[in-house]
C-alpha cells in the first residue's frame, strides 16, 4: 500500500514471536535488508504491535 506522499506500508502477521525471530535471522532477509539500506531507502521504520482482537465480515 502506498500513501499520498508515496510512502509504502506493508503489514505482515506472524503466529508467534519465534516466527518473527526466524524471519529476522533468515539469510535472504538479511541480504534484502542490507541492500535496502545501501541502495533503496533513505530511512524506514518498523513497528511490532500485538493484535488483541481481530474479526471480519464477508457478505455472501
PDB file of N, CA and C in Angstrom:
ATOM      1  N   UNK A   1       0.849  -1.155   0.000  1.00  0.00           N
ATOM      2  CA  UNK A   1       0.000   0.000   0.000  1.00  0.00           C
ATOM      3  C   UNK A   1       0.905   1.232   0.000  1.00  0.00           C
ATOM      4  N   UNK A   2       0.533   2.248  -0.755  1.00  0.00           N
ATOM      5  CA  UNK A   2       1.299   3.486  -0.819  1.00  0.00           C
ATOM      6  C   UNK A   2       0.391   4.649  -0.431  1.00  0.00           C
ATOM      7  N   UNK A   3       0.857   5.526   0.440  1.00  0.00           N
ATOM      8  CA  UNK A   3       0.032   6.659   0.852  1.00  0.00           C
ATOM      9  C   UNK A   3       0.191   7.824  -0.119  1.00  0.00           C
ATOM     10  N   UNK A   4      -0.472   8.938   0.166  1.00  0.00           N
ATOM     11  CA  UNK A   4      -0.469  10.110  -0.721  1.00  0.00           C
ATOM     12  C   UNK A   4       0.920  10.697  -0.921  1.00  0.00           C
ATOM     13  N   UNK A   5       1.807  10.488   0.040  1.00  0.00           N
ATOM     14  CA  UNK A   5       3.164  11.030  -0.046  1.00  0.00           C
ATOM     15  C   UNK A   5       4.138  10.061  -0.700  1.00  0.00           C
ATOM     16  N   UNK A   6       3.626   8.913  -1.190  1.00  0.00           N
ATOM     17  CA  UNK A   6       4.481   7.938  -1.842  1.00  0.00           C
ATOM     18  C   UNK A   6       5.171   6.981  -0.898  1.00  0.00           C
ATOM     19  N   UNK A   7       4.775   7.008   0.378  1.00  0.00           N
ATOM     20  CA  UNK A   7       5.375   6.087   1.340  1.00  0.00           C
ATOM     21  C   UNK A   7       4.661   4.746   1.269  1.00  0.00           C
ATOM     22  N   UNK A   8       5.431   3.673   1.394  1.00  0.00           N
ATOM     23  CA  UNK A   8       4.876   2.325   1.337  1.00  0.00           C
ATOM     24  C   UNK A   8       4.581   1.809   2.728  1.00  0.00           C
ATOM     25  N   UNK A   9       3.520   1.015   2.821  1.00  0.00           N
ATOM     26  CA  UNK A   9       3.154   0.366   4.071  1.00  0.00           C
ATOM     27  C   UNK A   9       2.956  -1.105   3.787  1.00  0.00           C
ATOM     28  N   UNK A  10       3.631  -1.937   4.540  1.00  0.00           N
ATOM     29  CA  UNK A  10       3.475  -3.372   4.434  1.00  0.00           C
ATOM     30  C   UNK A  10       3.081  -3.905   5.793  1.00  0.00           C
ATOM     31  N   UNK A  11       2.041  -4.727   5.830  1.00  0.00           N
ATOM     32  CA  UNK A  11       1.586  -5.338   7.072  1.00  0.00           C
ATOM     33  C   UNK A  11       1.788  -6.840   6.951  1.00  0.00           C
ATOM     34  N   UNK A  12       2.465  -7.404   7.926  1.00  0.00           N
ATOM     35  CA  UNK A  12       2.738  -8.840   7.946  1.00  0.00           C
ATOM     36  C   UNK A  12       2.292  -9.383   9.291  1.00  0.00           C
ATOM     37  N   UNK A  13       1.557 -10.462   9.277  1.00  0.00           N
ATOM     38  CA  UNK A  13       1.115 -11.090  10.512  1.00  0.00           C
ATOM     39  C   UNK A  13       1.885 -12.381  10.730  1.00  0.00           C
ATOM     40  N   UNK A  14       2.340 -12.601  11.947  1.00  0.00           N
ATOM     41  CA  UNK A  14       3.028 -13.827  12.333  1.00  0.00           C
ATOM     42  C   UNK A  14       2.267 -14.478  13.477  1.00  0.00           C
ATOM     43  N   UNK A  15       2.285 -15.798  13.506  1.00  0.00           N
ATOM     44  CA  UNK A  15       1.541 -16.544  14.525  1.00  0.00           C
ATOM     45  C   UNK A  15       2.223 -16.484  15.885  1.00  0.00           C
ATOM     46  N   UNK A  16       3.538 -16.338  15.907  1.00  0.00           N
ATOM     47  CA  UNK A  16       4.268 -16.386  17.181  1.00  0.00           C
ATOM     48  C   UNK A  16       5.552 -15.568  17.077  1.00  0.00           C
ATOM     49  N   UNK A  17       6.061 -15.150  18.225  1.00  0.00           N
ATOM     50  CA  UNK A  17       7.311 -14.382  18.248  1.00  0.00           C
ATOM     51  C   UNK A  17       8.478 -15.152  17.662  1.00  0.00           C
ATOM     52  N   UNK A  18       8.463 -16.474  17.818  1.00  0.00           N
ATOM     53  CA  UNK A  18       9.536 -17.296  17.255  1.00  0.00           C
ATOM     54  C   UNK A  18       9.577 -17.158  15.737  1.00  0.00           C
ATOM     55  N   UNK A  19       8.424 -16.993  15.114  1.00  0.00           N
ATOM     56  CA  UNK A  19       8.368 -16.809  13.660  1.00  0.00           C
ATOM     57  C   UNK A  19       9.006 -15.491  13.253  1.00  0.00           C
ATOM     58  N   UNK A  20       8.788 -14.460  14.057  1.00  0.00           N
ATOM     59  CA  UNK A  20       9.402 -13.158  13.770  1.00  0.00           C
ATOM     60  C   UNK A  20      10.922 -13.270  13.883  1.00  0.00           C
ATOM     61  N   UNK A  21      11.390 -13.926  14.922  1.00  0.00           N
ATOM     62  CA  UNK A  21      12.837 -14.095  15.122  1.00  0.00           C
ATOM     63  C   UNK A  21      13.456 -14.880  13.980  1.00  0.00           C
ATOM     64  N   UNK A  22      12.766 -15.916  13.517  1.00  0.00           N
ATOM     65  CA  UNK A  22      13.284 -16.720  12.399  1.00  0.00           C
ATOM     66  C   UNK A  22      13.365 -15.884  11.126  1.00  0.00           C
ATOM     67  N   UNK A  23      12.351 -15.057  10.875  1.00  0.00           N
ATOM     68  CA  UNK A  23      12.363 -14.188   9.697  1.00  0.00           C
ATOM     69  C   UNK A  23      13.504 -13.182   9.782  1.00  0.00           C
ATOM     70  N   UNK A  24      13.687 -12.573  10.958  1.00  0.00           N
ATOM     71  CA  UNK A  24      14.762 -11.591  11.120  1.00  0.00           C
ATOM     72  C   UNK A  24      16.141 -12.187  10.872  1.00  0.00           C
ATOM     73  N   UNK A  25      16.312 -13.466  11.213  1.00  0.00           N
ATOM     74  CA  UNK A  25      17.621 -14.116  11.097  1.00  0.00           C
ATOM     75  C   UNK A  25      17.823 -14.834   9.763  1.00  0.00           C
ATOM     76  N   UNK A  26      16.793 -14.879   8.919  1.00  0.00           N
ATOM     77  CA  UNK A  26      16.896 -15.617   7.649  1.00  0.00           C
ATOM     78  C   UNK A  26      17.900 -14.924   6.722  1.00  0.00           C
ATOM     79  N   UNK A  27      18.817 -15.691   6.122  1.00  0.00           N
ATOM     80  CA  UNK A  27      19.864 -15.087   5.276  1.00  0.00           C
ATOM     81  C   UNK A  27      19.327 -14.227   4.125  1.00  0.00           C
ATOM     82  N   UNK A  28      18.249 -14.636   3.481  1.00  0.00           N
ATOM     83  CA  UNK A  28      17.697 -13.825   2.386  1.00  0.00           C
ATOM     84  C   UNK A  28      17.135 -12.507   2.913  1.00  0.00           C
ATOM     85  N   UNK A  29      16.537 -12.535   4.070  1.00  0.00           N
ATOM     86  CA  UNK A  29      16.029 -11.294   4.657  1.00  0.00           C
ATOM     87  C   UNK A  29      17.180 -10.371   5.036  1.00  0.00           C
ATOM     88  N   UNK A  30      18.218 -10.925   5.625  1.00  0.00           N
ATOM     89  CA  UNK A  30      19.377 -10.120   5.999  1.00  0.00           C
ATOM     90  C   UNK A  30      20.007  -9.462   4.771  1.00  0.00           C
ATOM     91  N   UNK A  31      20.069 -10.183   3.660  1.00  0.00           N
ATOM     92  CA  UNK A  31      20.628  -9.613   2.422  1.00  0.00           C
ATOM     93  C   UNK A  31      19.713  -8.528   1.868  1.00  0.00           C
ATOM     94  N   UNK A  32      18.421  -8.760   1.882  1.00  0.00           N
ATOM     95  CA  UNK A  32      17.471  -7.747   1.406  1.00  0.00           C
ATOM     96  C   UNK A  32      17.559  -6.493   2.271  1.00  0.00           C
ATOM     97  N   UNK A  33      17.702  -6.682   3.561  1.00  0.00           N
ATOM     98  CA  UNK A  33      17.836  -5.553   4.481  1.00  0.00           C
ATOM     99  C   UNK A  33      19.117  -4.765   4.177  1.00  0.00           C
ATOM    100  N   UNK A  34      20.202  -5.472   3.943  1.00  0.00           N
ATOM    101  CA  UNK A  34      21.473  -4.814   3.615  1.00  0.00           C
ATOM    102  C   UNK A  34      21.332  -3.999   2.328  1.00  0.00           C
ATOM    103  N   UNK A  35      20.726  -4.606   1.298  1.00  0.00           N
ATOM    104  CA  UNK A  35      20.556  -3.912   0.023  1.00  0.00           C
ATOM    105  C   UNK A  35      19.613  -2.720   0.166  1.00  0.00           C
ATOM    106  N   UNK A  36      18.570  -2.893   0.945  1.00  0.00           N
ATOM    107  CA  UNK A  36      17.641  -1.787   1.156  1.00  0.00           C
ATOM    108  C   UNK A  36      18.333  -0.580   1.758  1.00  0.00           C
ATOM    109  N   UNK A  37      19.171  -0.828   2.752  1.00  0.00           N
ATOM    110  CA  UNK A  37      19.901   0.274   3.393  1.00  0.00           C
ATOM    111  C   UNK A  37      20.924   0.896   2.445  1.00  0.00           C
ATOM    112  N   UNK A  38      21.560   0.071   1.636  1.00  0.00           N
ATOM    113  CA  UNK A  38      22.622   0.563   0.756  1.00  0.00           C
ATOM    114  C   UNK A  38      22.089   1.237  -0.507  1.00  0.00           C
ATOM    115  N   UNK A  39      20.950   0.759  -1.042  1.00  0.00           N
ATOM    116  CA  UNK A  39      20.520   1.204  -2.365  1.00  0.00           C
ATOM    117  C   UNK A  39      19.184   1.938  -2.416  1.00  0.00           C
ATOM    118  N   UNK A  40      18.197   1.494  -1.650  1.00  0.00           N
ATOM    119  CA  UNK A  40      16.835   1.945  -1.917  1.00  0.00           C
ATOM    120  C   UNK A  40      16.264   2.916  -0.904  1.00  0.00           C
ATOM    121  N   UNK A  41      16.552   2.758   0.354  1.00  0.00           N
ATOM    122  CA  UNK A  41      15.872   3.552   1.372  1.00  0.00           C
ATOM    123  C   UNK A  41      16.793   4.569   2.020  1.00  0.00           C
ATOM    124  N   UNK A  42      16.279   5.787   2.144  1.00  0.00           N
ATOM    125  CA  UNK A  42      16.979   6.800   2.918  1.00  0.00           C
ATOM    126  C   UNK A  42      16.652   6.603   4.395  1.00  0.00           C
ATOM    127  N   UNK A  43      15.463   6.071   4.655  1.00  0.00           N
ATOM    128  CA  UNK A  43      15.049   5.762   6.023  1.00  0.00           C
ATOM    129  C   UNK A  43      13.877   4.791   5.973  1.00  0.00           C
ATOM    130  N   UNK A  44      13.647   4.121   7.082  1.00  0.00           N
ATOM    131  CA  UNK A  44      12.457   3.297   7.228  1.00  0.00           C
ATOM    132  C   UNK A  44      12.224   3.068   8.711  1.00  0.00           C
ATOM    133  N   UNK A  45      11.043   2.620   9.039  1.00  0.00           N
ATOM    134  CA  UNK A  45      10.756   2.282  10.425  1.00  0.00           C
ATOM    135  C   UNK A  45       9.978   0.977  10.468  1.00  0.00           C
ATOM    136  N   UNK A  46      10.135   0.290  11.568  1.00  0.00           N
ATOM    137  CA  UNK A  46       9.438  -0.972  11.793  1.00  0.00           C
ATOM    138  C   UNK A  46       8.717  -0.849  13.134  1.00  0.00           C
ATOM    139  N   UNK A  47       7.458  -1.227  13.139  1.00  0.00           N
ATOM    140  CA  UNK A  47       6.676  -1.257  14.372  1.00  0.00           C
ATOM    141  C   UNK A  47       6.153  -2.672  14.546  1.00  0.00           C
ATOM    142  N   UNK A  48       6.262  -3.203  15.743  1.00  0.00           N
ATOM    143  CA  UNK A  48       5.806  -4.564  16.012  1.00  0.00           C
ATOM    144  C   UNK A  48       4.726  -4.495  17.088  1.00  0.00           C
ATOM    145  N   UNK A  49       3.461  -4.394  16.658  1.00  0.00           N
ATOM    146  CA  UNK A  49       2.365  -4.359  17.628  1.00  0.00           C
ATOM    147  C   UNK A  49       1.835  -5.763  17.906  1.00  0.00           C
ATOM    148  N   UNK A  50       1.029  -5.876  18.910  1.00  0.00           N
ATOM    149  CA  UNK A  50       0.319  -7.127  19.219  1.00  0.00           C
ATOM    150  C   UNK A  50      -1.152  -6.928  18.882  1.00  0.00           C
ATOM    151  N   UNK A  51      -1.724  -7.905  18.224  1.00  0.00           N
ATOM    152  CA  UNK A  51      -3.149  -7.863  17.909  1.00  0.00           C
ATOM    153  C   UNK A  51      -3.904  -8.443  19.095  1.00  0.00           C
ATOM    154  N   UNK A  52      -4.722  -7.621  19.711  1.00  0.00           N
ATOM    155  CA  UNK A  52      -5.505  -8.066  20.864  1.00  0.00           C
ATOM    156  C   UNK A  52      -6.810  -8.720  20.428  1.00  0.00           C
ATOM    157  N   UNK A  53      -7.337  -8.276  19.317  1.00  0.00           N
ATOM    158  CA  UNK A  53      -8.600  -8.808  18.822  1.00  0.00           C
ATOM    159  C   UNK A  53      -8.620  -8.610  17.316  1.00  0.00           C
ATOM    160  N   UNK A  54      -9.193  -9.560  16.596  1.00  0.00           N
ATOM    161  CA  UNK A  54      -9.352  -9.429  15.148  1.00  0.00           C
ATOM    162  C   UNK A  54     -10.672 -10.073  14.766  1.00  0.00           C
ATOM    163  N   UNK A  55     -11.389  -9.435  13.861  1.00  0.00           N
ATOM    164  CA  UNK A  55     -12.625 -10.009  13.371  1.00  0.00           C
ATOM    165  C   UNK A  55     -12.868  -9.494  11.961  1.00  0.00           C
ATOM    166  N   UNK A  56     -13.757 -10.166  11.251  1.00  0.00           N
ATOM    167  CA  UNK A  56     -14.033  -9.799   9.859  1.00  0.00           C
ATOM    168  C   UNK A  56     -15.488 -10.088   9.526  1.00  0.00           C
ATOM    169  N   UNK A  57     -15.952  -9.540   8.449  1.00  0.00           N
ATOM    170  CA  UNK A  57     -17.296  -9.782   7.944  1.00  0.00           C
ATOM    171  C   UNK A  57     -17.190  -9.961   6.442  1.00  0.00           C
ATOM    172  N   UNK A  58     -17.886 -10.945   5.924  1.00  0.00           N
ATOM    173  CA  UNK A  58     -17.950 -11.155   4.476  1.00  0.00           C
ATOM    174  C   UNK A  58     -19.404 -11.378   4.088  1.00  0.00           C
ATOM    175  N   UNK A  59     -19.910 -10.541   3.200  1.00  0.00           N
ATOM    176  CA  UNK A  59     -21.280 -10.711   2.706  1.00  0.00           C
ATOM    177  C   UNK A  59     -21.293 -11.825   1.666  1.00  0.00           C
ATOM    178  N   UNK A  60     -22.218 -12.713   1.786  1.00  0.00           N
ATOM    179  CA  UNK A  60     -22.317 -13.834   0.824  1.00  0.00           C
ATOM    180  C   UNK A  60     -23.077 -13.404  -0.391  1.00  0.00           C
TER     181      UNK A  60
END
